[in-house]
């Protein structure tokens, strides 16, 4: 189904797609092959009407994702290959693809998330972290650019704190992440996936068209003036859906609704 189902794993259960970066020997670093596979998986989750929420995580507890594969970068330099600058080239951008996955997304952060791995968590809607995890954008120490992180981090946590973390390349601990509203929860590692799945199940218990509408409008109106936001195309219209009628009927009949995503 996908180019590589070994270094990235895709599974769907109970309307929840779980995408796992599976390179523990490389601290789940994102190679060019893995990046393309993650994009394919996210596109599949976005288009699959049976998927109502997405969890992104990594294998093991040593790292959620170490970011771009620096060994691959170095090999490319030795071979005189042109470096692929963010937002250029024939492929979709991974981080833009996460943002444009119009289903709720949860980062289950099983360990340190560095560079591009940190950016991957920032693109998700919700973040649940293991208590030993931290986020870091060390690009200033590597001569890189943190193209996504430098845009998103100051929009999510206080601007002065975000710029301090970018300028000094110091990590955001689990405690700091909770303090600044970056993490929704911090839990022991052994409880991480149960907490992420519990959150996802509580989400998918609700009307899927409404969830998609929330995601559309939250992404498309981020930072725009309110008068413009009111007039943006905000995705599916739940008001005219069968599920809206079912939701009202279930409330009146005092039972759980049965959603059909239409």
C-alpha atoms as a PDB file:
ATOM      1  CA  UNK A   1       0.000   0.000   0.000  1.00  0.00           C
ATOM      2  CA  UNK A   2       2.845   2.372   0.876  1.00  0.00           C
ATOM      3  CA  UNK A   3       6.422   2.670  -0.401  1.00  0.00           C
ATOM      4  CA  UNK A   4       7.807   1.644   2.990  1.00  0.00           C
ATOM      5  CA  UNK A   5       5.696  -0.104   5.645  1.00  0.00           C
ATOM      6  CA  UNK A   6       8.734  -1.122   7.730  1.00  0.00           C
ATOM      7  CA  UNK A   7      10.181   2.235   8.775  1.00  0.00           C
ATOM      8  CA  UNK A   8       6.714   3.771   9.149  1.00  0.00           C
ATOM      9  CA  UNK A   9       3.688   1.750  10.251  1.00  0.00           C
ATOM     10  CA  UNK A  10       0.043   2.532   9.472  1.00  0.00           C
ATOM     11  CA  UNK A  11      -2.933   0.953  11.169  1.00  0.00           C
ATOM     12  CA  UNK A  12      -6.590   1.868  11.583  1.00  0.00           C
ATOM     13  CA  UNK A  13      -8.776   0.776  14.485  1.00  0.00           C
ATOM     14  CA  UNK A  14     -12.131   2.117  15.669  1.00  0.00           C
ATOM     15  CA  UNK A  15     -11.945   5.136  13.311  1.00  0.00           C
ATOM     16  CA  UNK A  16      -8.449   6.049  14.570  1.00  0.00           C
ATOM     17  CA  UNK A  17      -5.389   5.935  12.273  1.00  0.00           C
ATOM     18  CA  UNK A  18      -2.100   5.345  14.122  1.00  0.00           C
ATOM     19  CA  UNK A  19       1.056   6.347  12.256  1.00  0.00           C
ATOM     20  CA  UNK A  20       4.295   5.149  13.882  1.00  0.00           C
ATOM     21  CA  UNK A  21       7.796   6.180  12.819  1.00  0.00           C
ATOM     22  CA  UNK A  22       9.676   2.898  13.187  1.00  0.00           C
ATOM     23  CA  UNK A  23      13.426   3.609  13.072  1.00  0.00           C
ATOM     24  CA  UNK A  24      14.460   3.208  16.721  1.00  0.00           C
ATOM     25  CA  UNK A  25      18.048   2.448  15.720  1.00  0.00           C
ATOM     26  CA  UNK A  26      18.192   5.954  14.175  1.00  0.00           C
ATOM     27  CA  UNK A  27      16.135   7.590  16.958  1.00  0.00           C
ATOM     28  CA  UNK A  28      13.211   7.612  14.499  1.00  0.00           C
ATOM     29  CA  UNK A  29      14.948  10.174  12.273  1.00  0.00           C
ATOM     30  CA  UNK A  30      13.108  11.143   9.100  1.00  0.00           C
ATOM     31  CA  UNK A  31      14.948   9.999   5.990  1.00  0.00           C
ATOM     32  CA  UNK A  32      13.783  11.070   2.539  1.00  0.00           C
ATOM     33  CA  UNK A  33      12.029   7.708   2.111  1.00  0.00           C
ATOM     34  CA  UNK A  34      10.275   7.948   5.476  1.00  0.00           C
ATOM     35  CA  UNK A  35       9.207  11.524   4.733  1.00  0.00           C
ATOM     36  CA  UNK A  36       7.509  10.441   1.500  1.00  0.00           C
ATOM     37  CA  UNK A  37       5.877   7.472   3.254  1.00  0.00           C
ATOM     38  CA  UNK A  38       4.539   9.671   6.078  1.00  0.00           C
ATOM     39  CA  UNK A  39       3.046  12.015   3.489  1.00  0.00           C
ATOM     40  CA  UNK A  40       1.354   9.070   1.761  1.00  0.00           C
ATOM     41  CA  UNK A  41      -0.015   7.820   5.078  1.00  0.00           C
ATOM     42  CA  UNK A  42      -1.352  11.225   6.065  1.00  0.00           C
ATOM     43  CA  UNK A  43      -3.014  11.626   2.665  1.00  0.00           C
ATOM     44  CA  UNK A  44      -4.599   8.189   3.065  1.00  0.00           C
ATOM     45  CA  UNK A  45      -5.906   9.094   6.530  1.00  0.00           C
ATOM     46  CA  UNK A  46      -7.252  12.388   5.199  1.00  0.00           C
ATOM     47  CA  UNK A  47      -9.130  10.713   2.345  1.00  0.00           C
ATOM     48  CA  UNK A  48     -10.347   7.593   4.193  1.00  0.00           C
ATOM     49  CA  UNK A  49     -13.933   8.241   5.293  1.00  0.00           C
ATOM     50  CA  UNK A  50     -13.531   5.575   7.991  1.00  0.00           C
ATOM     51  CA  UNK A  51     -10.742   7.560   9.706  1.00  0.00           C
ATOM     52  CA  UNK A  52     -11.982  10.280  12.042  1.00  0.00           C
ATOM     53  CA  UNK A  53      -8.779  11.034  14.007  1.00  0.00           C
ATOM     54  CA  UNK A  54      -5.024  10.436  13.649  1.00  0.00           C
ATOM     55  CA  UNK A  55      -2.297   9.627  16.195  1.00  0.00           C
ATOM     56  CA  UNK A  56       1.367  10.144  15.268  1.00  0.00           C
ATOM     57  CA  UNK A  57       4.031   8.517  17.447  1.00  0.00           C
ATOM     58  CA  UNK A  58       7.425   6.801  17.352  1.00  0.00           C
ATOM     59  CA  UNK A  59       8.787   3.394  18.303  1.00  0.00           C
ATOM     60  CA  UNK A  60      10.492   2.941  21.674  1.00  0.00           C
ATOM     61  CA  UNK A  61      11.153   5.455  24.434  1.00  0.00           C
ATOM     62  CA  UNK A  62      14.501   6.923  23.344  1.00  0.00           C
ATOM     63  CA  UNK A  63      13.004   9.387  20.853  1.00  0.00           C
ATOM     64  CA  UNK A  64       9.741  10.461  19.278  1.00  0.00           C
ATOM     65  CA  UNK A  65      11.759  11.680  16.316  1.00  0.00           C
ATOM     66  CA  UNK A  66      15.283  13.066  16.029  1.00  0.00           C
ATOM     67  CA  UNK A  67      14.263  15.190  13.027  1.00  0.00           C
ATOM     68  CA  UNK A  68      15.935  15.006   9.652  1.00  0.00           C
ATOM     69  CA  UNK A  69      18.426  12.175   9.156  1.00  0.00           C
ATOM     70  CA  UNK A  70      21.731  14.051   9.562  1.00  0.00           C
ATOM     71  CA  UNK A  71      23.695  11.026   8.364  1.00  0.00           C
ATOM     72  CA  UNK A  72      21.717  11.149   5.111  1.00  0.00           C
ATOM     73  CA  UNK A  73      22.355  14.915   4.928  1.00  0.00           C
ATOM     74  CA  UNK A  74      26.089  14.364   5.407  1.00  0.00           C
ATOM     75  CA  UNK A  75      26.181  11.580   2.806  1.00  0.00           C
ATOM     76  CA  UNK A  76      24.452  13.952   0.387  1.00  0.00           C
ATOM     77  CA  UNK A  77      27.099  16.617   1.024  1.00  0.00           C
ATOM     78  CA  UNK A  78      29.868  14.102   0.311  1.00  0.00           C
ATOM     79  CA  UNK A  79      28.146  13.058  -2.904  1.00  0.00           C
ATOM     80  CA  UNK A  80      27.700  16.756  -3.894  1.00  0.00           C
ATOM     81  CA  UNK A  81      23.903  16.377  -4.050  1.00  0.00           C
ATOM     82  CA  UNK A  82      21.853  19.551  -3.870  1.00  0.00           C
ATOM     83  CA  UNK A  83      20.274  20.082  -0.438  1.00  0.00           C
ATOM     84  CA  UNK A  84      16.461  20.031  -0.547  1.00  0.00           C
ATOM     85  CA  UNK A  85      15.375  23.402   0.802  1.00  0.00           C
ATOM     86  CA  UNK A  86      12.036  23.407   2.712  1.00  0.00           C
ATOM     87  CA  UNK A  87       8.925  24.247   0.669  1.00  0.00           C
ATOM     88  CA  UNK A  88      10.677  23.506  -2.632  1.00  0.00           C
ATOM     89  CA  UNK A  89      10.894  20.499  -4.939  1.00  0.00           C
ATOM     90  CA  UNK A  90       8.291  18.171  -6.475  1.00  0.00           C
ATOM     91  CA  UNK A  91       7.110  16.518  -3.229  1.00  0.00           C
ATOM     92  CA  UNK A  92       4.493  17.829  -0.813  1.00  0.00           C
ATOM     93  CA  UNK A  93       5.891  19.317   2.372  1.00  0.00           C
ATOM     94  CA  UNK A  94       5.447  16.893   5.289  1.00  0.00           C
ATOM     95  CA  UNK A  95       4.517  19.551   7.841  1.00  0.00           C
ATOM     96  CA  UNK A  96       2.049  21.257   5.555  1.00  0.00           C
ATOM     97  CA  UNK A  97       0.492  17.838   4.949  1.00  0.00           C
ATOM     98  CA  UNK A  98      -0.013  17.338   8.702  1.00  0.00           C
ATOM     99  CA  UNK A  99      -1.665  20.752   9.019  1.00  0.00           C
ATOM    100  CA  UNK A 100      -3.886  19.992   6.024  1.00  0.00           C
ATOM    101  CA  UNK A 101      -4.971  16.603   7.335  1.00  0.00           C
ATOM    102  CA  UNK A 102      -8.538  17.671   8.065  1.00  0.00           C
ATOM    103  CA  UNK A 103      -9.054  15.181  10.874  1.00  0.00           C
ATOM    104  CA  UNK A 104      -8.024  15.857  14.493  1.00  0.00           C
ATOM    105  CA  UNK A 105      -4.350  14.935  14.953  1.00  0.00           C
ATOM    106  CA  UNK A 106      -2.639  13.883  18.195  1.00  0.00           C
ATOM    107  CA  UNK A 107       1.118  13.670  18.730  1.00  0.00           C
ATOM    108  CA  UNK A 108       1.880  10.900  21.244  1.00  0.00           C
ATOM    109  CA  UNK A 109       5.375  12.056  22.158  1.00  0.00           C
ATOM    110  CA  UNK A 110       7.161   8.929  23.381  1.00  0.00           C
ATOM    111  CA  UNK A 111      10.555  10.573  23.847  1.00  0.00           C
ATOM    112  CA  UNK A 112      12.619  13.611  22.850  1.00  0.00           C
ATOM    113  CA  UNK A 113      11.417  15.391  19.696  1.00  0.00           C
ATOM    114  CA  UNK A 114      14.226  17.299  18.015  1.00  0.00           C
ATOM    115  CA  UNK A 115      14.344  19.594  14.998  1.00  0.00           C
ATOM    116  CA  UNK A 116      11.944  18.267  12.394  1.00  0.00           C
ATOM    117  CA  UNK A 117      10.530  15.907  15.029  1.00  0.00           C
ATOM    118  CA  UNK A 118       9.651  18.878  17.208  1.00  0.00           C
ATOM    119  CA  UNK A 119       8.087  20.570  14.174  1.00  0.00           C
ATOM    120  CA  UNK A 120       6.022  17.442  13.529  1.00  0.00           C
ATOM    121  CA  UNK A 121       4.518  17.713  17.026  1.00  0.00           C
ATOM    122  CA  UNK A 122       3.845  21.444  16.577  1.00  0.00           C
ATOM    123  CA  UNK A 123       1.801  20.711  13.448  1.00  0.00           C
ATOM    124  CA  UNK A 124      -0.487  18.348  15.373  1.00  0.00           C
ATOM    125  CA  UNK A 125      -3.623  19.682  17.054  1.00  0.00           C
ATOM    126  CA  UNK A 126      -3.016  18.017  20.427  1.00  0.00           C
ATOM    127  CA  UNK A 127       0.153  16.832  22.182  1.00  0.00           C
ATOM    128  CA  UNK A 128       0.410  14.174  24.881  1.00  0.00           C
ATOM    129  CA  UNK A 129       3.950  13.649  26.150  1.00  0.00           C
ATOM    130  CA  UNK A 130       5.749  10.996  28.163  1.00  0.00           C
ATOM    131  CA  UNK A 131       7.217  12.546  31.292  1.00  0.00           C
ATOM    132  CA  UNK A 132      10.810  12.085  30.073  1.00  0.00           C
ATOM    133  CA  UNK A 133      10.104  13.702  26.691  1.00  0.00           C
ATOM    134  CA  UNK A 134      11.153  17.188  25.656  1.00  0.00           C
ATOM    135  CA  UNK A 135      10.982  19.318  22.528  1.00  0.00           C
ATOM    136  CA  UNK A 136      14.004  21.027  21.044  1.00  0.00           C
ATOM    137  CA  UNK A 137      14.834  23.073  17.963  1.00  0.00           C
ATOM    138  CA  UNK A 138      18.660  22.854  17.869  1.00  0.00           C
ATOM    139  CA  UNK A 139      18.910  24.242  14.338  1.00  0.00           C
ATOM    140  CA  UNK A 140      20.872  27.309  15.481  1.00  0.00           C
ATOM    141  CA  UNK A 141      23.631  24.901  16.563  1.00  0.00           C
ATOM    142  CA  UNK A 142      23.560  23.109  13.189  1.00  0.00           C
ATOM    143  CA  UNK A 143      23.346  26.055  10.809  1.00  0.00           C
ATOM    144  CA  UNK A 144      19.815  25.031   9.796  1.00  0.00           C
ATOM    145  CA  UNK A 145      16.635  27.120   9.732  1.00  0.00           C
ATOM    146  CA  UNK A 146      13.752  25.561  11.738  1.00  0.00           C
ATOM    147  CA  UNK A 147      11.518  26.769   8.915  1.00  0.00           C
ATOM    148  CA  UNK A 148       8.311  25.415  10.466  1.00  0.00           C
ATOM    149  CA  UNK A 149       9.209  25.747  14.137  1.00  0.00           C
ATOM    150  CA  UNK A 150      10.124  29.415  13.847  1.00  0.00           C
ATOM    151  CA  UNK A 151       6.628  30.078  12.463  1.00  0.00           C
ATOM    152  CA  UNK A 152       4.507  27.842  14.691  1.00  0.00           C
ATOM    153  CA  UNK A 153       6.220  27.942  18.087  1.00  0.00           C
ATOM    154  CA  UNK A 154       5.657  31.720  18.629  1.00  0.00           C
ATOM    155  CA  UNK A 155       1.966  31.180  17.753  1.00  0.00           C
ATOM    156  CA  UNK A 156       1.505  28.404  20.312  1.00  0.00           C
ATOM    157  CA  UNK A 157       3.486  29.567  23.369  1.00  0.00           C
ATOM    158  CA  UNK A 158       4.384  33.108  24.532  1.00  0.00           C
ATOM    159  CA  UNK A 159       6.420  34.837  21.833  1.00  0.00           C
ATOM    160  CA  UNK A 160       9.337  35.859  24.074  1.00  0.00           C
ATOM    161  CA  UNK A 161       9.679  32.315  25.414  1.00  0.00           C
ATOM    162  CA  UNK A 162       9.494  30.850  21.901  1.00  0.00           C
ATOM    163  CA  UNK A 163      12.179  33.184  20.588  1.00  0.00           C
ATOM    164  CA  UNK A 164      14.404  32.442  23.586  1.00  0.00           C
ATOM    165  CA  UNK A 165      14.122  28.715  22.831  1.00  0.00           C
ATOM    166  CA  UNK A 166      14.865  29.295  19.139  1.00  0.00           C
ATOM    167  CA  UNK A 167      17.789  31.670  19.711  1.00  0.00           C
ATOM    168  CA  UNK A 168      19.460  29.583  22.444  1.00  0.00           C
ATOM    169  CA  UNK A 169      18.518  26.144  21.057  1.00  0.00           C
ATOM    170  CA  UNK A 170      17.592  25.014  24.574  1.00  0.00           C
ATOM    171  CA  UNK A 171      14.918  22.309  25.071  1.00  0.00           C
ATOM    172  CA  UNK A 172      11.355  22.685  26.287  1.00  0.00           C
ATOM    173  CA  UNK A 173      10.911  20.229  29.154  1.00  0.00           C
ATOM    174  CA  UNK A 174       7.690  18.358  29.888  1.00  0.00           C
ATOM    175  CA  UNK A 175       7.081  20.650  32.874  1.00  0.00           C
ATOM    176  CA  UNK A 176       7.583  23.779  30.757  1.00  0.00           C
ATOM    177  CA  UNK A 177       5.389  22.373  27.999  1.00  0.00           C
ATOM    178  CA  UNK A 178       2.506  21.956  30.438  1.00  0.00           C
ATOM    179  CA  UNK A 179       3.091  25.400  31.960  1.00  0.00           C
ATOM    180  CA  UNK A 180       2.838  27.128  28.572  1.00  0.00           C
ATOM    181  CA  UNK A 181      -0.055  25.077  27.220  1.00  0.00           C
ATOM    182  CA  UNK A 182       2.091  23.287  24.648  1.00  0.00           C
ATOM    183  CA  UNK A 183       1.161  19.842  25.991  1.00  0.00           C
ATOM    184  CA  UNK A 184      -2.370  18.697  26.734  1.00  0.00           C
ATOM    185  CA  UNK A 185      -1.081  16.015  29.114  1.00  0.00           C
ATOM    186  CA  UNK A 186       2.186  14.659  30.484  1.00  0.00           C
ATOM    187  CA  UNK A 187       2.042  11.023  31.610  1.00  0.00           C
ATOM    188  CA  UNK A 188       4.428   8.175  32.451  1.00  0.00           C
ATOM    189  CA  UNK A 189       5.815   6.528  29.312  1.00  0.00           C
ATOM    190  CA  UNK A 190       4.036   3.248  29.993  1.00  0.00           C
ATOM    191  CA  UNK A 191       0.667   5.076  30.000  1.00  0.00           C
ATOM    192  CA  UNK A 192       1.310   7.184  26.900  1.00  0.00           C
ATOM    193  CA  UNK A 193      -0.491   5.214  24.187  1.00  0.00           C
ATOM    194  CA  UNK A 194      -3.423   4.413  26.455  1.00  0.00           C
ATOM    195  CA  UNK A 195      -3.840   8.140  27.146  1.00  0.00           C
ATOM    196  CA  UNK A 196      -3.506   9.014  23.452  1.00  0.00           C
ATOM    197  CA  UNK A 197      -6.041   6.350  22.468  1.00  0.00           C
ATOM    198  CA  UNK A 198      -8.397   7.463  25.231  1.00  0.00           C
ATOM    199  CA  UNK A 199      -8.207  11.031  23.923  1.00  0.00           C
ATOM    200  CA  UNK A 200      -8.763   9.847  20.355  1.00  0.00           C
ATOM    201  CA  UNK A 201     -11.746   7.700  21.372  1.00  0.00           C
ATOM    202  CA  UNK A 202     -13.344  10.636  23.179  1.00  0.00           C
ATOM    203  CA  UNK A 203     -12.882  12.666  19.986  1.00  0.00           C
ATOM    204  CA  UNK A 204     -14.265  10.080  17.561  1.00  0.00           C
ATOM    205  CA  UNK A 205     -17.328   9.576  19.773  1.00  0.00           C
ATOM    206  CA  UNK A 206     -18.477  12.883  18.266  1.00  0.00           C
ATOM    207  CA  UNK A 207     -19.858  13.725  14.830  1.00  0.00           C
ATOM    208  CA  UNK A 208     -17.075  13.238  12.229  1.00  0.00           C
ATOM    209  CA  UNK A 209     -18.328  15.987   9.907  1.00  0.00           C
ATOM    210  CA  UNK A 210     -18.292  18.446  12.799  1.00  0.00           C
ATOM    211  CA  UNK A 211     -14.744  17.378  13.684  1.00  0.00           C
ATOM    212  CA  UNK A 212     -13.621  17.975  10.105  1.00  0.00           C
ATOM    213  CA  UNK A 213     -15.331  21.367  10.066  1.00  0.00           C
ATOM    214  CA  UNK A 214     -13.551  22.353  13.291  1.00  0.00           C
ATOM    215  CA  UNK A 215     -10.186  21.351  11.802  1.00  0.00           C
ATOM    216  CA  UNK A 216     -10.845  23.173   8.520  1.00  0.00           C
ATOM    217  CA  UNK A 217     -11.823  26.412  10.206  1.00  0.00           C
ATOM    218  CA  UNK A 218      -9.094  26.258  12.856  1.00  0.00           C
ATOM    219  CA  UNK A 219      -6.370  25.863  10.195  1.00  0.00           C
ATOM    220  CA  UNK A 220      -7.760  28.192   7.545  1.00  0.00           C
ATOM    221  CA  UNK A 221      -8.538  31.085   9.903  1.00  0.00           C
ATOM    222  CA  UNK A 222      -5.421  30.906  12.105  1.00  0.00           C
ATOM    223  CA  UNK A 223      -4.295  34.508  12.531  1.00  0.00           C
ATOM    224  CA  UNK A 224      -6.692  36.092  10.030  1.00  0.00           C
ATOM    225  CA  UNK A 225      -9.091  38.950  10.903  1.00  0.00           C
ATOM    226  CA  UNK A 226     -12.467  37.846  12.293  1.00  0.00           C
ATOM    227  CA  UNK A 227     -14.595  39.390   9.478  1.00  0.00           C
ATOM    228  CA  UNK A 228     -12.567  37.394   6.938  1.00  0.00           C
ATOM    229  CA  UNK A 229     -12.702  34.234   9.084  1.00  0.00           C
ATOM    230  CA  UNK A 230     -16.518  34.329   9.083  1.00  0.00           C
ATOM    231  CA  UNK A 231     -16.500  34.095   5.278  1.00  0.00           C
ATOM    232  CA  UNK A 232     -13.888  31.390   4.735  1.00  0.00           C
ATOM    233  CA  UNK A 233     -14.870  28.082   3.110  1.00  0.00           C
ATOM    234  CA  UNK A 234     -14.801  25.987   6.254  1.00  0.00           C
ATOM    235  CA  UNK A 235     -15.241  22.492   4.873  1.00  0.00           C
ATOM    236  CA  UNK A 236     -18.220  20.136   5.199  1.00  0.00           C
ATOM    237  CA  UNK A 237     -21.570  21.571   6.255  1.00  0.00           C
ATOM    238  CA  UNK A 238     -22.851  19.563   9.244  1.00  0.00           C
ATOM    239  CA  UNK A 239     -26.060  21.557   9.518  1.00  0.00           C
ATOM    240  CA  UNK A 240     -27.583  19.833   6.468  1.00  0.00           C
ATOM    241  CA  UNK A 241     -26.187  16.371   7.235  1.00  0.00           C
ATOM    242  CA  UNK A 242     -27.874  13.135   8.231  1.00  0.00           C
ATOM    243  CA  UNK A 243     -25.641  13.085  11.301  1.00  0.00           C
ATOM    244  CA  UNK A 244     -27.049  16.415  12.519  1.00  0.00           C
ATOM    245  CA  UNK A 245     -30.548  14.938  12.414  1.00  0.00           C
ATOM    246  CA  UNK A 246     -29.263  11.785  14.140  1.00  0.00           C
ATOM    247  CA  UNK A 247     -27.522  13.811  16.858  1.00  0.00           C
ATOM    248  CA  UNK A 248     -30.706  15.718  17.688  1.00  0.00           C
ATOM    249  CA  UNK A 249     -32.808  12.546  17.550  1.00  0.00           C
ATOM    250  CA  UNK A 250     -30.388  10.677  19.840  1.00  0.00           C
ATOM    251  CA  UNK A 251     -30.474  13.511  22.374  1.00  0.00           C
ATOM    252  CA  UNK A 252     -34.280  13.511  22.440  1.00  0.00           C
ATOM    253  CA  UNK A 253     -34.364   9.711  22.718  1.00  0.00           C
ATOM    254  CA  UNK A 254     -31.672   9.746  25.446  1.00  0.00           C
ATOM    255  CA  UNK A 255     -29.269   7.374  23.663  1.00  0.00           C
ATOM    256  CA  UNK A 256     -25.819   7.474  22.106  1.00  0.00           C
ATOM    257  CA  UNK A 257     -25.841   8.695  18.481  1.00  0.00           C
ATOM    258  CA  UNK A 258     -24.847   6.417  15.606  1.00  0.00           C
ATOM    259  CA  UNK A 259     -22.733   8.499  13.234  1.00  0.00           C
ATOM    260  CA  UNK A 260     -22.567   7.721   9.507  1.00  0.00           C
ATOM    261  CA  UNK A 261     -20.243  10.541   8.380  1.00  0.00           C
ATOM    262  CA  UNK A 262     -22.797  11.959   5.968  1.00  0.00           C
END
